[in-house]
N, C-alpha and C. Protein backbone atom coordinates (compact mmCIF):
# COMPACT_ATOMS: atom_id res chain seq x y z
N MET A 1 0.81 -1.19 0.00
CA MET A 1 0.00 0.00 0.00
C MET A 1 0.86 1.26 0.00
N ALA A 2 1.96 1.23 0.71
CA ALA A 2 2.85 2.39 0.76
C ALA A 2 3.38 2.72 -0.63
N GLU A 3 3.62 1.71 -1.45
CA GLU A 3 4.10 1.95 -2.82
C GLU A 3 3.03 2.67 -3.64
N LEU A 4 1.77 2.30 -3.47
CA LEU A 4 0.68 2.95 -4.19
C LEU A 4 0.61 4.43 -3.82
N TYR A 5 0.69 4.74 -2.53
CA TYR A 5 0.65 6.14 -2.10
C TYR A 5 1.85 6.92 -2.62
N ALA A 6 3.00 6.30 -2.70
CA ALA A 6 4.19 6.97 -3.24
C ALA A 6 3.98 7.31 -4.71
N ILE A 7 3.38 6.40 -5.46
CA ILE A 7 3.09 6.65 -6.88
C ILE A 7 2.08 7.79 -7.02
N LEU A 8 1.01 7.76 -6.20
CA LEU A 8 0.01 8.82 -6.26
C LEU A 8 0.61 10.17 -5.89
N ASP A 9 1.41 10.22 -4.83
CA ASP A 9 2.02 11.47 -4.40
C ASP A 9 2.96 12.03 -5.45
N ALA A 10 3.62 11.17 -6.20
CA ALA A 10 4.56 11.62 -7.23
C ALA A 10 3.84 12.14 -8.47
N ASN A 11 2.56 11.86 -8.60
CA ASN A 11 1.83 12.21 -9.82
C ASN A 11 0.66 13.15 -9.60
N GLU A 12 0.56 13.73 -8.43
CA GLU A 12 -0.52 14.68 -8.20
C GLU A 12 -0.18 15.66 -7.09
N ALA A 13 -0.89 16.75 -7.11
CA ALA A 13 -0.84 17.73 -6.02
C ALA A 13 -2.27 18.18 -5.82
N ASP A 14 -2.66 18.44 -4.59
CA ASP A 14 -4.00 18.93 -4.35
C ASP A 14 -4.05 19.71 -3.05
N GLY A 15 -5.10 20.49 -2.90
CA GLY A 15 -5.26 21.29 -1.69
C GLY A 15 -6.72 21.62 -1.48
N GLN A 16 -7.08 21.86 -0.22
CA GLN A 16 -8.44 22.19 0.14
C GLN A 16 -8.46 23.23 1.25
N ALA A 17 -9.53 23.99 1.29
CA ALA A 17 -9.77 24.94 2.37
C ALA A 17 -11.27 25.05 2.55
N LYS A 18 -11.70 25.50 3.74
CA LYS A 18 -13.14 25.66 3.94
C LYS A 18 -13.44 26.74 4.96
N ASN A 19 -14.64 27.31 4.82
CA ASN A 19 -15.21 28.28 5.75
C ASN A 19 -14.30 29.49 6.00
N ILE A 20 -13.97 30.18 4.92
CA ILE A 20 -13.15 31.39 4.99
C ILE A 20 -14.05 32.60 4.75
N GLN A 21 -14.08 33.50 5.72
CA GLN A 21 -14.86 34.74 5.58
C GLN A 21 -14.14 35.69 4.64
N ILE A 22 -14.83 36.20 3.63
CA ILE A 22 -14.24 37.13 2.66
C ILE A 22 -14.38 38.54 3.23
N THR A 23 -13.28 39.14 3.64
CA THR A 23 -13.32 40.47 4.24
C THR A 23 -12.82 41.56 3.30
N ALA A 24 -12.07 41.20 2.27
CA ALA A 24 -11.49 42.19 1.36
C ALA A 24 -12.55 42.75 0.40
N LEU A 25 -12.34 44.00 0.01
CA LEU A 25 -13.12 44.62 -1.06
C LEU A 25 -12.26 44.65 -2.31
N ASP A 26 -12.91 44.74 -3.48
CA ASP A 26 -12.15 44.63 -4.73
C ASP A 26 -11.12 45.74 -4.92
N GLU A 27 -11.30 46.89 -4.28
CA GLU A 27 -10.30 47.96 -4.42
C GLU A 27 -9.11 47.78 -3.47
N ASP A 28 -9.21 46.83 -2.53
CA ASP A 28 -8.09 46.57 -1.63
C ASP A 28 -6.92 45.95 -2.39
N PRO A 29 -5.69 46.32 -2.07
CA PRO A 29 -4.55 45.72 -2.77
C PRO A 29 -4.38 44.23 -2.47
N ASP A 30 -4.72 43.81 -1.26
CA ASP A 30 -4.63 42.40 -0.89
C ASP A 30 -6.03 41.84 -0.70
N TRP A 31 -6.31 40.77 -1.42
CA TRP A 31 -7.61 40.12 -1.30
C TRP A 31 -7.53 38.99 -0.28
N THR A 32 -8.68 38.51 0.15
CA THR A 32 -8.73 37.41 1.10
C THR A 32 -8.28 36.11 0.42
N VAL A 33 -7.28 35.47 0.99
CA VAL A 33 -6.79 34.20 0.45
C VAL A 33 -7.67 33.08 1.00
N VAL A 34 -8.35 32.38 0.10
CA VAL A 34 -9.23 31.29 0.53
C VAL A 34 -8.56 29.93 0.44
N LEU A 35 -7.51 29.84 -0.37
CA LEU A 35 -6.74 28.60 -0.46
C LEU A 35 -5.30 28.97 -0.84
N ARG A 36 -4.36 28.40 -0.12
CA ARG A 36 -2.94 28.60 -0.45
C ARG A 36 -2.24 27.26 -0.41
N GLN A 37 -1.60 26.94 -1.51
CA GLN A 37 -0.78 25.74 -1.60
C GLN A 37 0.68 26.17 -1.62
N ASP A 38 1.40 25.82 -0.58
CA ASP A 38 2.82 26.12 -0.54
C ASP A 38 3.54 25.34 -1.64
N PRO A 39 4.71 25.81 -2.07
CA PRO A 39 5.41 25.12 -3.16
C PRO A 39 5.59 23.63 -2.88
N GLN A 40 5.23 22.85 -3.88
CA GLN A 40 5.39 21.40 -3.82
C GLN A 40 6.06 20.97 -5.11
N GLU A 41 7.08 20.16 -5.01
CA GLU A 41 7.82 19.71 -6.19
C GLU A 41 6.93 18.80 -7.03
N VAL A 42 6.76 19.17 -8.31
CA VAL A 42 5.93 18.40 -9.23
C VAL A 42 6.79 18.08 -10.46
N PRO A 43 6.90 16.79 -10.83
CA PRO A 43 7.72 16.43 -11.99
C PRO A 43 7.13 16.96 -13.29
N SER A 44 7.96 17.07 -14.31
CA SER A 44 7.48 17.54 -15.61
C SER A 44 6.49 16.53 -16.18
N GLY A 45 5.57 17.04 -16.98
CA GLY A 45 4.58 16.17 -17.61
C GLY A 45 3.33 16.93 -17.97
N ASN A 46 2.36 16.18 -18.45
CA ASN A 46 1.06 16.75 -18.80
C ASN A 46 0.07 16.41 -17.70
N TYR A 47 -0.66 17.42 -17.27
CA TYR A 47 -1.55 17.28 -16.12
C TYR A 47 -2.94 17.81 -16.43
N ASN A 48 -3.92 17.30 -15.70
CA ASN A 48 -5.25 17.90 -15.64
C ASN A 48 -5.25 18.81 -14.43
N PHE A 49 -5.61 20.07 -14.64
CA PHE A 49 -5.70 21.03 -13.54
C PHE A 49 -7.16 21.42 -13.38
N VAL A 50 -7.71 21.26 -12.18
CA VAL A 50 -9.10 21.58 -11.90
C VAL A 50 -9.16 22.30 -10.56
N PHE A 51 -9.98 23.36 -10.49
CA PHE A 51 -10.26 23.97 -9.19
C PHE A 51 -11.74 24.28 -9.12
N SER A 52 -12.24 24.35 -7.89
CA SER A 52 -13.65 24.66 -7.69
C SER A 52 -13.81 25.37 -6.35
N PHE A 53 -14.94 26.06 -6.22
CA PHE A 53 -15.27 26.68 -4.94
C PHE A 53 -16.77 26.90 -4.86
N GLN A 54 -17.23 27.13 -3.65
CA GLN A 54 -18.62 27.49 -3.40
C GLN A 54 -18.64 28.59 -2.36
N THR A 55 -19.41 29.63 -2.63
CA THR A 55 -19.57 30.72 -1.66
C THR A 55 -21.03 30.79 -1.22
N LEU A 56 -21.23 31.40 -0.07
CA LEU A 56 -22.58 31.62 0.46
C LEU A 56 -22.63 33.03 1.02
N SER A 57 -23.71 33.73 0.71
CA SER A 57 -23.91 35.08 1.21
C SER A 57 -25.26 35.18 1.91
N THR A 58 -25.34 36.10 2.84
CA THR A 58 -26.61 36.34 3.53
C THR A 58 -27.55 37.19 2.69
N VAL A 59 -27.04 37.76 1.63
CA VAL A 59 -27.86 38.55 0.71
C VAL A 59 -27.74 37.93 -0.69
N THR A 60 -28.60 38.35 -1.58
CA THR A 60 -28.58 37.79 -2.93
C THR A 60 -28.35 38.90 -3.94
N ALA A 61 -28.11 38.49 -5.17
CA ALA A 61 -27.92 39.41 -6.29
C ALA A 61 -26.77 40.39 -6.05
N LYS A 62 -25.68 39.90 -5.52
CA LYS A 62 -24.47 40.70 -5.31
C LYS A 62 -23.34 40.10 -6.14
N ASP A 63 -22.25 40.87 -6.28
CA ASP A 63 -21.11 40.42 -7.07
C ASP A 63 -19.85 40.35 -6.23
N PHE A 64 -18.94 39.48 -6.65
CA PHE A 64 -17.62 39.41 -6.06
C PHE A 64 -16.64 38.99 -7.13
N HIS A 65 -15.36 39.05 -6.82
CA HIS A 65 -14.31 38.68 -7.76
C HIS A 65 -13.47 37.57 -7.16
N TYR A 66 -12.85 36.80 -8.04
CA TYR A 66 -11.81 35.88 -7.59
C TYR A 66 -10.67 35.92 -8.60
N ARG A 67 -9.51 35.48 -8.15
CA ARG A 67 -8.35 35.36 -9.04
C ARG A 67 -7.51 34.19 -8.54
N VAL A 68 -6.74 33.65 -9.46
CA VAL A 68 -5.83 32.55 -9.17
C VAL A 68 -4.42 33.06 -9.43
N ALA A 69 -3.53 32.83 -8.49
CA ALA A 69 -2.15 33.30 -8.62
C ALA A 69 -1.20 32.17 -8.26
N GLY A 70 0.04 32.32 -8.68
CA GLY A 70 1.07 31.32 -8.39
C GLY A 70 1.58 30.72 -9.69
N SER A 71 1.77 29.41 -9.69
CA SER A 71 2.27 28.72 -10.89
C SER A 71 1.27 28.76 -12.02
N VAL A 72 -0.01 28.86 -11.70
CA VAL A 72 -1.09 29.05 -12.67
C VAL A 72 -1.74 30.38 -12.31
N THR A 73 -1.93 31.24 -13.29
CA THR A 73 -2.57 32.53 -13.02
C THR A 73 -3.79 32.70 -13.91
N LEU A 74 -4.83 33.25 -13.33
CA LEU A 74 -6.02 33.66 -14.07
C LEU A 74 -6.32 35.09 -13.65
N PRO A 75 -6.74 35.92 -14.58
CA PRO A 75 -7.04 37.31 -14.23
C PRO A 75 -8.26 37.39 -13.33
N ASP A 76 -8.53 38.58 -12.81
CA ASP A 76 -9.70 38.79 -11.97
C ASP A 76 -10.96 38.40 -12.73
N ILE A 77 -11.80 37.59 -12.09
CA ILE A 77 -13.01 37.10 -12.73
C ILE A 77 -14.20 37.52 -11.89
N ASP A 78 -15.22 38.10 -12.54
CA ASP A 78 -16.44 38.53 -11.85
C ASP A 78 -17.36 37.34 -11.64
N MET A 79 -17.96 37.28 -10.46
CA MET A 79 -18.94 36.24 -10.14
C MET A 79 -20.19 36.91 -9.60
N HIS A 80 -21.33 36.29 -9.82
CA HIS A 80 -22.60 36.82 -9.35
C HIS A 80 -23.24 35.82 -8.40
N ILE A 81 -23.73 36.32 -7.28
CA ILE A 81 -24.40 35.46 -6.30
C ILE A 81 -25.85 35.27 -6.73
N ASP A 82 -26.26 34.03 -6.78
CA ASP A 82 -27.61 33.69 -7.21
C ASP A 82 -28.66 34.46 -6.41
N LYS A 83 -29.62 35.03 -7.11
CA LYS A 83 -30.60 35.86 -6.41
C LYS A 83 -31.66 35.06 -5.67
N LEU A 84 -31.68 33.75 -5.85
CA LEU A 84 -32.65 32.95 -5.11
C LEU A 84 -32.04 32.26 -3.89
N SER A 85 -30.82 31.78 -4.02
CA SER A 85 -30.27 30.96 -2.94
C SER A 85 -29.14 31.60 -2.14
N GLY A 86 -28.45 32.58 -2.70
CA GLY A 86 -27.28 33.15 -2.03
C GLY A 86 -26.01 32.39 -2.29
N TYR A 87 -26.10 31.29 -3.03
CA TYR A 87 -24.92 30.48 -3.35
C TYR A 87 -24.30 30.90 -4.68
N SER A 88 -23.02 30.68 -4.78
CA SER A 88 -22.33 30.78 -6.06
C SER A 88 -21.35 29.62 -6.12
N GLN A 89 -21.42 28.85 -7.19
CA GLN A 89 -20.54 27.70 -7.35
C GLN A 89 -19.78 27.84 -8.66
N HIS A 90 -18.53 27.39 -8.64
CA HIS A 90 -17.72 27.51 -9.84
C HIS A 90 -16.73 26.36 -9.90
N MET A 91 -16.53 25.84 -11.09
CA MET A 91 -15.51 24.82 -11.33
C MET A 91 -14.86 25.14 -12.67
N TYR A 92 -13.56 25.01 -12.72
CA TYR A 92 -12.82 25.34 -13.94
C TYR A 92 -11.66 24.36 -14.07
N GLY A 93 -11.42 23.89 -15.28
CA GLY A 93 -10.33 22.96 -15.49
C GLY A 93 -9.74 23.09 -16.87
N PHE A 94 -8.50 22.67 -17.00
CA PHE A 94 -7.83 22.68 -18.30
C PHE A 94 -6.61 21.77 -18.24
N ASN A 95 -6.09 21.44 -19.42
CA ASN A 95 -4.86 20.66 -19.52
C ASN A 95 -3.69 21.59 -19.27
N LEU A 96 -2.71 21.10 -18.54
CA LEU A 96 -1.54 21.89 -18.19
C LEU A 96 -0.28 21.11 -18.51
N SER A 97 0.56 21.68 -19.34
CA SER A 97 1.87 21.11 -19.60
C SER A 97 2.84 21.75 -18.63
N TRP A 98 3.47 20.94 -17.78
CA TRP A 98 4.32 21.44 -16.70
C TRP A 98 5.77 21.05 -16.95
N ASP A 99 6.68 22.03 -16.86
CA ASP A 99 8.10 21.78 -17.11
C ASP A 99 8.81 21.12 -15.93
N GLY A 100 8.13 21.00 -14.83
CA GLY A 100 8.73 20.44 -13.63
C GLY A 100 9.18 21.54 -12.69
N GLY A 101 9.22 21.25 -11.41
CA GLY A 101 9.65 22.22 -10.42
C GLY A 101 8.57 22.47 -9.40
N PRO A 102 8.81 23.46 -8.52
CA PRO A 102 7.84 23.74 -7.46
C PRO A 102 6.53 24.28 -8.03
N PHE A 103 5.43 23.74 -7.56
CA PHE A 103 4.10 24.19 -7.96
C PHE A 103 3.45 24.83 -6.74
N GLU A 104 3.00 26.06 -6.89
CA GLU A 104 2.31 26.75 -5.80
C GLU A 104 1.08 27.44 -6.36
N LEU A 105 0.11 27.69 -5.50
CA LEU A 105 -1.15 28.22 -5.97
C LEU A 105 -1.87 28.94 -4.84
N SER A 106 -2.57 30.02 -5.19
CA SER A 106 -3.49 30.63 -4.24
C SER A 106 -4.74 31.06 -4.99
N ILE A 107 -5.87 30.95 -4.31
CA ILE A 107 -7.14 31.46 -4.81
C ILE A 107 -7.54 32.57 -3.85
N GLU A 108 -7.81 33.74 -4.41
CA GLU A 108 -8.12 34.93 -3.61
C GLU A 108 -9.47 35.48 -4.03
N MET A 109 -10.19 36.08 -3.08
CA MET A 109 -11.52 36.63 -3.35
C MET A 109 -11.68 38.00 -2.71
N ALA A 110 -12.59 38.79 -3.30
CA ALA A 110 -12.93 40.11 -2.75
C ALA A 110 -14.38 40.42 -3.11
N ARG A 111 -15.06 41.08 -2.19
CA ARG A 111 -16.42 41.54 -2.45
C ARG A 111 -16.36 42.77 -3.34
N LYS A 112 -17.35 42.94 -4.17
CA LYS A 112 -17.35 44.06 -5.12
C LYS A 112 -18.08 45.27 -4.54
N ASN A 113 -17.28 46.26 -4.13
CA ASN A 113 -17.81 47.57 -3.71
C ASN A 113 -19.03 47.49 -2.81
N ASP A 114 -19.00 46.62 -1.83
CA ASP A 114 -20.15 46.51 -0.95
C ASP A 114 -19.71 45.94 0.38
N THR A 115 -20.60 45.98 1.35
CA THR A 115 -20.24 45.52 2.69
C THR A 115 -21.04 44.30 3.12
N PHE A 116 -21.60 43.54 2.19
CA PHE A 116 -22.34 42.34 2.54
C PHE A 116 -21.39 41.24 3.03
N GLU A 117 -21.95 40.28 3.75
CA GLU A 117 -21.14 39.16 4.24
C GLU A 117 -21.04 38.08 3.17
N LEU A 118 -19.85 37.53 3.05
CA LEU A 118 -19.59 36.49 2.05
C LEU A 118 -18.63 35.48 2.66
N MET A 119 -18.96 34.20 2.52
CA MET A 119 -18.09 33.15 3.02
C MET A 119 -17.79 32.17 1.90
N CYS A 120 -16.53 31.80 1.79
CA CYS A 120 -16.15 30.71 0.88
C CYS A 120 -16.30 29.42 1.68
N GLN A 121 -17.32 28.65 1.35
CA GLN A 121 -17.58 27.42 2.10
C GLN A 121 -16.53 26.36 1.82
N PHE A 122 -16.07 26.30 0.58
CA PHE A 122 -14.94 25.42 0.28
C PHE A 122 -14.25 25.91 -0.99
N ALA A 123 -12.98 25.61 -1.06
CA ALA A 123 -12.18 25.82 -2.27
C ALA A 123 -11.23 24.65 -2.36
N GLU A 124 -11.02 24.16 -3.56
CA GLU A 124 -10.12 23.02 -3.73
C GLU A 124 -9.52 23.03 -5.13
N PHE A 125 -8.38 22.37 -5.24
CA PHE A 125 -7.79 22.19 -6.55
C PHE A 125 -7.16 20.81 -6.62
N SER A 126 -6.97 20.36 -7.85
CA SER A 126 -6.31 19.08 -8.08
C SER A 126 -5.45 19.20 -9.34
N LEU A 127 -4.25 18.72 -9.23
CA LEU A 127 -3.32 18.66 -10.36
C LEU A 127 -2.94 17.19 -10.49
N THR A 128 -3.41 16.53 -11.56
CA THR A 128 -3.23 15.09 -11.71
C THR A 128 -2.56 14.79 -13.05
N ARG A 129 -1.51 13.98 -13.00
CA ARG A 129 -0.78 13.63 -14.24
C ARG A 129 -1.69 12.82 -15.16
N ARG A 130 -1.71 13.21 -16.43
CA ARG A 130 -2.43 12.45 -17.45
C ARG A 130 -1.54 11.33 -17.93
N THR A 131 -2.13 10.22 -18.26
CA THR A 131 -1.33 9.08 -18.77
C THR A 131 -1.40 9.00 -20.26
């Protein structure tokens, strides 16, 4: 069994976080970090990269932003909180060709020009080698 875990660890990286209160506003220079993956050595290869999150707000029909930084970067992306439930869910994935080396990642969020309460109920990512 230890050999199986060694193979899995050598071919993937992942991280999770939950129940992070979003306190930053979009004009703040530093946004609330909802997930941070410290550098982890990842061998070169082709990988599937997927991340997802779910937020919950006490109000509806509001907007917030998120961004991904680190070894993979995505620009600021606008999100809208569902006007019926207060939830917002997002999942994004793509193929990633990795040259090898330390892989690090953070997902950051900020409320858009408002003072409503927003919580990231979970955020996660997975980097898995394709065969």
